[in-house]
PDB file of N, CA and C in Angstrom:
ATOM      1  N   UNK A   1     -27.031   6.822  17.101  1.00  0.00           N
ATOM      2  CA  UNK A   1     -26.331   6.690  15.780  1.00  0.00           C
ATOM      3  C   UNK A   1     -25.015   6.374  16.141  1.00  0.00           C
ATOM      4  N   UNK A   2     -24.306   5.361  15.483  1.00  0.00           N
ATOM      5  CA  UNK A   2     -22.934   5.078  15.801  1.00  0.00           C
ATOM      6  C   UNK A   2     -22.068   5.860  14.781  1.00  0.00           C
ATOM      7  N   UNK A   3     -20.892   6.226  15.440  1.00  0.00           N
ATOM      8  CA  UNK A   3     -19.895   6.893  14.625  1.00  0.00           C
ATOM      9  C   UNK A   3     -18.891   5.835  14.056  1.00  0.00           C
ATOM     10  N   UNK A   4     -18.659   5.958  12.946  1.00  0.00           N
ATOM     11  CA  UNK A   4     -17.424   5.102  12.331  1.00  0.00           C
ATOM     12  C   UNK A   4     -16.148   5.618  12.782  1.00  0.00           C
ATOM     13  N   UNK A   5     -15.248   4.754  13.211  1.00  0.00           N
ATOM     14  CA  UNK A   5     -14.100   4.994  13.619  1.00  0.00           C
ATOM     15  C   UNK A   5     -13.086   5.391  12.307  1.00  0.00           C
ATOM     16  N   UNK A   6     -12.305   6.276  12.511  1.00  0.00           N
ATOM     17  CA  UNK A   6     -11.351   6.598  11.461  1.00  0.00           C
ATOM     18  C   UNK A   6     -10.529   5.434  11.388  1.00  0.00           C
ATOM     19  N   UNK A   7     -10.313   5.187  10.026  1.00  0.00           N
ATOM     20  CA  UNK A   7      -9.451   3.994   9.561  1.00  0.00           C
ATOM     21  C   UNK A   7      -7.917   4.463   9.889  1.00  0.00           C
ATOM     22  N   UNK A   8      -7.287   3.639  10.589  1.00  0.00           N
ATOM     23  CA  UNK A   8      -5.919   3.702  10.859  1.00  0.00           C
ATOM     24  C   UNK A   8      -5.060   3.028   9.944  1.00  0.00           C
ATOM     25  N   UNK A   9      -3.967   3.546   9.755  1.00  0.00           N
ATOM     26  CA  UNK A   9      -2.961   2.939   8.963  1.00  0.00           C
ATOM     27  C   UNK A   9      -1.544   2.860   9.711  1.00  0.00           C
ATOM     28  N   UNK A  10      -0.815   1.864   9.436  1.00  0.00           N
ATOM     29  CA  UNK A  10       0.508   1.616   9.931  1.00  0.00           C
ATOM     30  C   UNK A  10       1.473   1.431   8.783  1.00  0.00           C
ATOM     31  N   UNK A  11       2.778   1.847   9.231  1.00  0.00           N
ATOM     32  CA  UNK A  11       3.880   1.663   7.945  1.00  0.00           C
ATOM     33  C   UNK A  11       4.206   0.262   8.083  1.00  0.00           C
ATOM     34  N   UNK A  12       4.289  -0.293   6.783  1.00  0.00           N
ATOM     35  CA  UNK A  12       4.689  -1.675   6.677  1.00  0.00           C
ATOM     36  C   UNK A  12       5.921  -1.701   5.879  1.00  0.00           C
ATOM     37  N   UNK A  13       7.029  -2.282   6.359  1.00  0.00           N
ATOM     38  CA  UNK A  13       8.408  -2.329   5.703  1.00  0.00           C
ATOM     39  C   UNK A  13       8.534  -3.544   4.778  1.00  0.00           C
ATOM     40  N   UNK A  14       7.839  -4.521   5.021  1.00  0.00           N
ATOM     41  CA  UNK A  14       8.008  -5.767   4.014  1.00  0.00           C
ATOM     42  C   UNK A  14       6.921  -5.710   2.834  1.00  0.00           C
ATOM     43  N   UNK A  15       7.530  -4.996   1.841  1.00  0.00           N
ATOM     44  CA  UNK A  15       6.495  -4.728   0.747  1.00  0.00           C
ATOM     45  C   UNK A  15       6.085  -5.879  -0.070  1.00  0.00           C
ATOM     46  N   UNK A  16       6.932  -6.833  -0.283  1.00  0.00           N
ATOM     47  CA  UNK A  16       6.529  -8.154  -0.863  1.00  0.00           C
ATOM     48  C   UNK A  16       5.469  -8.963  -0.094  1.00  0.00           C
ATOM     49  N   UNK A  17       5.356  -8.539   1.245  1.00  0.00           N
ATOM     50  CA  UNK A  17       4.281  -9.329   1.969  1.00  0.00           C
ATOM     51  C   UNK A  17       2.918  -8.660   1.776  1.00  0.00           C
ATOM     52  N   UNK A  18       2.829  -7.495   1.135  1.00  0.00           N
ATOM     53  CA  UNK A  18       1.413  -6.871   0.933  1.00  0.00           C
ATOM     54  C   UNK A  18       0.907  -6.908  -0.595  1.00  0.00           C
ATOM     55  N   UNK A  19       1.703  -7.859  -1.362  1.00  0.00           N
ATOM     56  CA  UNK A  19       1.230  -7.991  -2.699  1.00  0.00           C
ATOM     57  C   UNK A  19      -0.101  -8.464  -2.722  1.00  0.00           C
ATOM     58  N   UNK A  20      -1.111  -7.703  -3.525  1.00  0.00           N
ATOM     59  CA  UNK A  20      -2.528  -8.066  -3.593  1.00  0.00           C
ATOM     60  C   UNK A  20      -3.435  -7.370  -2.699  1.00  0.00           C
ATOM     61  N   UNK A  21      -2.708  -6.487  -1.681  1.00  0.00           N
ATOM     62  CA  UNK A  21      -3.371  -5.739  -0.636  1.00  0.00           C
ATOM     63  C   UNK A  21      -3.518  -4.334  -0.977  1.00  0.00           C
ATOM     64  N   UNK A  22      -4.511  -3.641  -0.399  1.00  0.00           N
ATOM     65  CA  UNK A  22      -4.721  -2.180  -0.536  1.00  0.00           C
ATOM     66  C   UNK A  22      -3.840  -1.425   0.267  1.00  0.00           C
ATOM     67  N   UNK A  23      -2.971  -0.491  -0.186  1.00  0.00           N
ATOM     68  CA  UNK A  23      -2.161   0.366   0.521  1.00  0.00           C
ATOM     69  C   UNK A  23      -2.219   1.820   0.245  1.00  0.00           C
ATOM     70  N   UNK A  24      -1.559   2.577   1.065  1.00  0.00           N
ATOM     71  CA  UNK A  24      -1.243   3.982   0.686  1.00  0.00           C
ATOM     72  C   UNK A  24       0.179   4.181   0.602  1.00  0.00           C
ATOM     73  N   UNK A  25       0.529   4.976  -0.428  1.00  0.00           N
ATOM     74  CA  UNK A  25       2.062   5.240  -0.537  1.00  0.00           C
ATOM     75  C   UNK A  25       2.241   6.711  -0.022  1.00  0.00           C
ATOM     76  N   UNK A  26       3.188   6.832   0.823  1.00  0.00           N
ATOM     77  CA  UNK A  26       3.451   8.179   1.488  1.00  0.00           C
ATOM     78  C   UNK A  26       4.975   8.535   1.286  1.00  0.00           C
ATOM     79  N   UNK A  27       5.125   9.937   1.273  1.00  0.00           N
ATOM     80  CA  UNK A  27       6.480  10.337   1.082  1.00  0.00           C
ATOM     81  C   UNK A  27       6.593  11.736   1.989  1.00  0.00           C
ATOM     82  N   UNK A  28       7.572  11.837   2.859  1.00  0.00           N
ATOM     83  CA  UNK A  28       7.667  12.932   3.660  1.00  0.00           C
ATOM     84  C   UNK A  28       6.298  13.053   4.515  1.00  0.00           C
ATOM     85  N   UNK A  29       5.627  12.091   4.965  1.00  0.00           N
ATOM     86  CA  UNK A  29       4.529  12.301   5.770  1.00  0.00           C
ATOM     87  C   UNK A  29       3.038  12.535   4.978  1.00  0.00           C
ATOM     88  N   UNK A  30       3.267  12.610   3.687  1.00  0.00           N
ATOM     89  CA  UNK A  30       2.069  12.903   3.008  1.00  0.00           C
ATOM     90  C   UNK A  30       1.584  11.783   2.000  1.00  0.00           C
ATOM     91  N   UNK A  31       0.341  11.533   1.715  1.00  0.00           N
ATOM     92  CA  UNK A  31      -0.221  10.539   1.093  1.00  0.00           C
ATOM     93  C   UNK A  31       0.188  10.926  -0.568  1.00  0.00           C
ATOM     94  N   UNK A  32       0.680  10.014  -1.103  1.00  0.00           N
ATOM     95  CA  UNK A  32       0.921  10.291  -2.756  1.00  0.00           C
ATOM     96  C   UNK A  32      -0.141   9.643  -3.494  1.00  0.00           C
ATOM     97  N   UNK A  33      -0.295   8.390  -3.125  1.00  0.00           N
ATOM     98  CA  UNK A  33      -1.262   7.609  -4.035  1.00  0.00           C
ATOM     99  C   UNK A  33      -1.798   6.428  -3.208  1.00  0.00           C
ATOM    100  N   UNK A  34      -2.769   5.905  -3.557  1.00  0.00           N
ATOM    101  CA  UNK A  34      -3.310   4.686  -2.989  1.00  0.00           C
ATOM    102  C   UNK A  34      -3.899   3.647  -3.986  1.00  0.00           C
ATOM    103  N   UNK A  35      -3.637   2.393  -3.753  1.00  0.00           N
ATOM    104  CA  UNK A  35      -4.024   1.416  -4.656  1.00  0.00           C
ATOM    105  C   UNK A  35      -3.771   0.013  -4.260  1.00  0.00           C
ATOM    106  N   UNK A  36      -3.706  -1.035  -5.258  1.00  0.00           N
ATOM    107  CA  UNK A  36      -3.429  -2.415  -4.889  1.00  0.00           C
ATOM    108  C   UNK A  36      -2.057  -2.579  -5.300  1.00  0.00           C
ATOM    109  N   UNK A  37      -1.357  -3.334  -4.460  1.00  0.00           N
ATOM    110  CA  UNK A  37       0.094  -3.750  -4.875  1.00  0.00           C
ATOM    111  C   UNK A  37       0.022  -4.836  -5.759  1.00  0.00           C
ATOM    112  N   UNK A  38       0.491  -4.567  -6.973  1.00  0.00           N
ATOM    113  CA  UNK A  38       0.845  -5.597  -7.993  1.00  0.00           C
ATOM    114  C   UNK A  38       1.886  -6.400  -7.811  1.00  0.00           C
ATOM    115  N   UNK A  39       2.917  -5.862  -7.583  1.00  0.00           N
ATOM    116  CA  UNK A  39       4.204  -6.701  -7.396  1.00  0.00           C
ATOM    117  C   UNK A  39       5.299  -5.795  -6.589  1.00  0.00           C
ATOM    118  N   UNK A  40       6.171  -6.595  -6.046  1.00  0.00           N
ATOM    119  CA  UNK A  40       7.325  -5.772  -5.260  1.00  0.00           C
ATOM    120  C   UNK A  40       8.533  -6.607  -5.257  1.00  0.00           C
ATOM    121  N   UNK A  41       9.582  -6.131  -5.043  1.00  0.00           N
ATOM    122  CA  UNK A  41      10.925  -6.875  -5.171  1.00  0.00           C
ATOM    123  C   UNK A  41      11.006  -7.608  -3.879  1.00  0.00           C
ATOM    124  N   UNK A  42      11.870  -8.627  -3.932  1.00  0.00           N
ATOM    125  CA  UNK A  42      11.895  -9.560  -2.614  1.00  0.00           C
ATOM    126  C   UNK A  42      12.591  -8.679  -1.591  1.00  0.00           C
ATOM    127  N   UNK A  43      13.682  -7.737  -1.899  1.00  0.00           N
ATOM    128  CA  UNK A  43      14.148  -6.987  -0.846  1.00  0.00           C
ATOM    129  C   UNK A  43      13.298  -5.616  -0.485  1.00  0.00           C
ATOM    130  N   UNK A  44      12.264  -5.527  -1.044  1.00  0.00           N
ATOM    131  CA  UNK A  44      11.393  -4.380  -0.722  1.00  0.00           C
ATOM    132  C   UNK A  44      11.886  -3.009  -1.223  1.00  0.00           C
ATOM    133  N   UNK A  45      12.632  -2.944  -2.215  1.00  0.00           N
ATOM    134  CA  UNK A  45      13.243  -1.750  -2.717  1.00  0.00           C
ATOM    135  C   UNK A  45      12.286  -1.181  -3.625  1.00  0.00           C
ATOM    136  N   UNK A  46      11.508  -1.714  -4.448  1.00  0.00           N
ATOM    137  CA  UNK A  46      10.557  -1.343  -5.530  1.00  0.00           C
ATOM    138  C   UNK A  46       9.261  -1.987  -5.281  1.00  0.00           C
ATOM    139  N   UNK A  47       8.260  -1.232  -5.440  1.00  0.00           N
ATOM    140  CA  UNK A  47       6.770  -1.784  -5.463  1.00  0.00           C
ATOM    141  C   UNK A  47       6.022  -1.208  -6.778  1.00  0.00           C
ATOM    142  N   UNK A  48       5.162  -1.964  -7.315  1.00  0.00           N
ATOM    143  CA  UNK A  48       4.327  -1.568  -8.419  1.00  0.00           C
ATOM    144  C   UNK A  48       2.940  -1.348  -7.777  1.00  0.00           C
ATOM    145  N   UNK A  49       2.297  -0.299  -7.991  1.00  0.00           N
ATOM    146  CA  UNK A  49       0.969   0.061  -7.550  1.00  0.00           C
ATOM    147  C   UNK A  49      -0.088   0.030  -8.740  1.00  0.00           C
ATOM    148  N   UNK A  50      -1.151  -0.579  -8.562  1.00  0.00           N
ATOM    149  CA  UNK A  50      -2.336  -0.335  -9.511  1.00  0.00           C
ATOM    150  C   UNK A  50      -3.337   0.585  -8.814  1.00  0.00           C
ATOM    151  N   UNK A  51      -3.592   1.726  -9.410  1.00  0.00           N
ATOM    152  CA  UNK A  51      -4.631   2.576  -8.875  1.00  0.00           C
ATOM    153  C   UNK A  51      -6.051   2.388  -9.651  1.00  0.00           C
ATOM    154  N   UNK A  52      -6.897   2.824  -9.024  1.00  0.00           N
ATOM    155  CA  UNK A  52      -8.301   2.929  -9.778  1.00  0.00           C
ATOM    156  C   UNK A  52      -8.298   4.317 -10.598  1.00  0.00           C
ATOM    157  N   UNK A  53      -9.151   4.355 -11.447  1.00  0.00           N
ATOM    158  CA  UNK A  53      -9.480   5.519 -12.223  1.00  0.00           C
ATOM    159  C   UNK A  53      -8.360   5.731 -13.405  1.00  0.00           C
ATOM    160  N   UNK A  54      -7.916   6.920 -13.803  1.00  0.00           N
ATOM    161  CA  UNK A  54      -7.126   7.136 -14.826  1.00  0.00           C
ATOM    162  C   UNK A  54      -5.574   7.011 -14.519  1.00  0.00           C
ATOM    163  N   UNK A  55      -5.346   6.932 -13.277  1.00  0.00           N
ATOM    164  CA  UNK A  55      -3.906   6.948 -12.979  1.00  0.00           C
ATOM    165  C   UNK A  55      -3.238   5.501 -13.419  1.00  0.00           C
ATOM    166  N   UNK A  56      -2.217   5.595 -14.200  1.00  0.00           N
ATOM    167  CA  UNK A  56      -1.659   4.526 -14.617  1.00  0.00           C
ATOM    168  C   UNK A  56      -0.826   3.592 -13.529  1.00  0.00           C
ATOM    169  N   UNK A  57      -0.536   2.261 -13.821  1.00  0.00           N
ATOM    170  CA  UNK A  57       0.418   1.712 -13.030  1.00  0.00           C
ATOM    171  C   UNK A  57       1.634   2.409 -12.671  1.00  0.00           C
ATOM    172  N   UNK A  58       2.187   2.389 -11.370  1.00  0.00           N
ATOM    173  CA  UNK A  58       3.407   3.158 -11.332  1.00  0.00           C
ATOM    174  C   UNK A  58       4.232   2.438 -10.289  1.00  0.00           C
ATOM    175  N   UNK A  59       5.517   2.676 -10.341  1.00  0.00           N
ATOM    176  CA  UNK A  59       6.483   2.003  -9.469  1.00  0.00           C
ATOM    177  C   UNK A  59       7.002   3.112  -8.495  1.00  0.00           C
ATOM    178  N   UNK A  60       7.247   2.733  -7.215  1.00  0.00           N
ATOM    179  CA  UNK A  60       7.626   3.445  -6.246  1.00  0.00           C
ATOM    180  C   UNK A  60       9.074   2.781  -5.567  1.00  0.00           C
ATOM    181  N   UNK A  61       9.993   3.649  -5.501  1.00  0.00           N
ATOM    182  CA  UNK A  61      11.403   3.192  -4.942  1.00  0.00           C
ATOM    183  C   UNK A  61      11.467   3.818  -3.529  1.00  0.00           C
ATOM    184  N   UNK A  62      11.796   2.715  -2.684  1.00  0.00           N
ATOM    185  CA  UNK A  62      12.044   3.151  -1.227  1.00  0.00           C
ATOM    186  C   UNK A  62      13.161   4.009  -1.080  1.00  0.00           C
ATOM    187  N   UNK A  63      14.232   3.885  -1.820  1.00  0.00           N
ATOM    188  CA  UNK A  63      15.451   5.020  -1.607  1.00  0.00           C
ATOM    189  C   UNK A  63      15.175   6.450  -1.923  1.00  0.00           C
ATOM    190  N   UNK A  64      13.986   6.478  -2.842  1.00  0.00           N
ATOM    191  CA  UNK A  64      13.441   7.879  -2.954  1.00  0.00           C
ATOM    192  C   UNK A  64      12.492   8.522  -2.005  1.00  0.00           C
ATOM    193  N   UNK A  65      12.415   7.670  -0.781  1.00  0.00           N
ATOM    194  CA  UNK A  65      11.572   8.258   0.383  1.00  0.00           C
ATOM    195  C   UNK A  65      10.145   7.678   0.382  1.00  0.00           C
ATOM    196  N   UNK A  66       9.993   6.842  -0.396  1.00  0.00           N
ATOM    197  CA  UNK A  66       8.580   6.319  -0.370  1.00  0.00           C
ATOM    198  C   UNK A  66       8.316   5.257   0.602  1.00  0.00           C
ATOM    199  N   UNK A  67       7.018   5.239   1.410  1.00  0.00           N
ATOM    200  CA  UNK A  67       6.869   4.276   2.349  1.00  0.00           C
ATOM    201  C   UNK A  67       5.345   3.717   1.982  1.00  0.00           C
ATOM    202  N   UNK A  68       5.183   2.498   2.499  1.00  0.00           N
ATOM    203  CA  UNK A  68       3.921   1.846   2.391  1.00  0.00           C
ATOM    204  C   UNK A  68       3.141   1.865   3.714  1.00  0.00           C
ATOM    205  N   UNK A  69       2.048   2.228   3.728  1.00  0.00           N
ATOM    206  CA  UNK A  69       1.099   2.212   4.730  1.00  0.00           C
ATOM    207  C   UNK A  69      -0.171   1.361   4.536  1.00  0.00           C
ATOM    208  N   UNK A  70      -0.488   0.599   5.489  1.00  0.00           N
ATOM    209  CA  UNK A  70      -1.646  -0.368   5.363  1.00  0.00           C
ATOM    210  C   UNK A  70      -2.486  -0.376   6.602  1.00  0.00           C
ATOM    211  N   UNK A  71      -3.901  -0.701   6.333  1.00  0.00           N
ATOM    212  CA  UNK A  71      -4.673  -0.963   7.480  1.00  0.00           C
ATOM    213  C   UNK A  71      -4.346  -2.178   8.169  1.00  0.00           C
ATOM    214  N   UNK A  72      -4.226  -2.173   9.404  1.00  0.00           N
ATOM    215  CA  UNK A  72      -3.980  -3.580  10.119  1.00  0.00           C
ATOM    216  C   UNK A  72      -5.056  -4.535   9.869  1.00  0.00           C
ATOM    217  N   UNK A  73      -6.324  -4.152   9.403  1.00  0.00           N
ATOM    218  CA  UNK A  73      -7.176  -5.284   9.039  1.00  0.00           C
ATOM    219  C   UNK A  73      -6.897  -5.852   7.762  1.00  0.00           C
ATOM    220  N   UNK A  74      -6.206  -5.071   6.848  1.00  0.00           N
ATOM    221  CA  UNK A  74      -5.853  -5.775   5.577  1.00  0.00           C
ATOM    222  C   UNK A  74      -4.504  -6.685   5.615  1.00  0.00           C
ATOM    223  N   UNK A  75      -4.002  -6.830   6.826  1.00  0.00           N
ATOM    224  CA  UNK A  75      -2.804  -7.595   7.110  1.00  0.00           C
ATOM    225  C   UNK A  75      -3.362  -8.910   7.519  1.00  0.00           C
ATOM    226  N   UNK A  76      -4.738  -9.031   7.924  1.00  0.00           N
ATOM    227  CA  UNK A  76      -5.163 -10.335   8.229  1.00  0.00           C
ATOM    228  C   UNK A  76      -5.479 -11.216   7.164  1.00  0.00           C
ATOM    229  N   UNK A  77      -5.120 -12.569   7.273  1.00  0.00           N
ATOM    230  CA  UNK A  77      -5.470 -13.606   6.212  1.00  0.00           C
ATOM    231  C   UNK A  77      -6.895 -13.545   5.658  1.00  0.00           C
ATOM    232  N   UNK A  78      -7.001 -13.654   4.364  1.00  0.00           N
ATOM    233  CA  UNK A  78      -8.236 -13.683   3.729  1.00  0.00           C
ATOM    234  C   UNK A  78      -8.809 -12.455   3.435  1.00  0.00           C
ATOM    235  N   UNK A  79      -8.104 -11.258   3.664  1.00  0.00           N
ATOM    236  CA  UNK A  79      -8.650 -10.023   3.412  1.00  0.00           C
ATOM    237  C   UNK A  79      -8.029  -9.226   2.106  1.00  0.00           C
ATOM    238  N   UNK A  80      -7.249  -9.902   1.606  1.00  0.00           N
ATOM    239  CA  UNK A  80      -6.437  -9.238   0.243  1.00  0.00           C
ATOM    240  C   UNK A  80      -7.183  -9.726  -0.910  1.00  0.00           C
ATOM    241  N   UNK A  81      -7.150  -8.792  -1.908  1.00  0.00           N
ATOM    242  CA  UNK A  81      -7.580  -9.294  -3.272  1.00  0.00           C
ATOM    243  C   UNK A  81      -6.406  -9.884  -3.972  1.00  0.00           C
ATOM    244  N   UNK A  82      -6.655 -10.594  -4.939  1.00  0.00           N
ATOM    245  CA  UNK A  82      -5.719 -11.233  -5.725  1.00  0.00           C
ATOM    246  C   UNK A  82      -5.701 -10.514  -7.088  1.00  0.00           C
ATOM    247  N   UNK A  83      -4.398 -10.268  -7.530  1.00  0.00           N
ATOM    248  CA  UNK A  83      -4.163  -9.591  -8.863  1.00  0.00           C
ATOM    249  C   UNK A  83      -3.801 -10.494  -9.939  1.00  0.00           C
TER     250      UNK A  83
END
């Protein structure tokens, strides 16, 4: 029986580059929320995240300490969803 490898995430500072991709939002080392990036400012200062379930769309501001983490496989071309 094969064991599944734990999914690894890396911090990604170019928020606009991950629009349409699944990410984790972290603050002070803890995951706050996960979802699909709907939009981001060109300077990567604000990101809008769409979550599944009952959580509404939410904006995250970099200067408030939020970070974007993504799986390296989701950075590969053709793996992102379109919003």
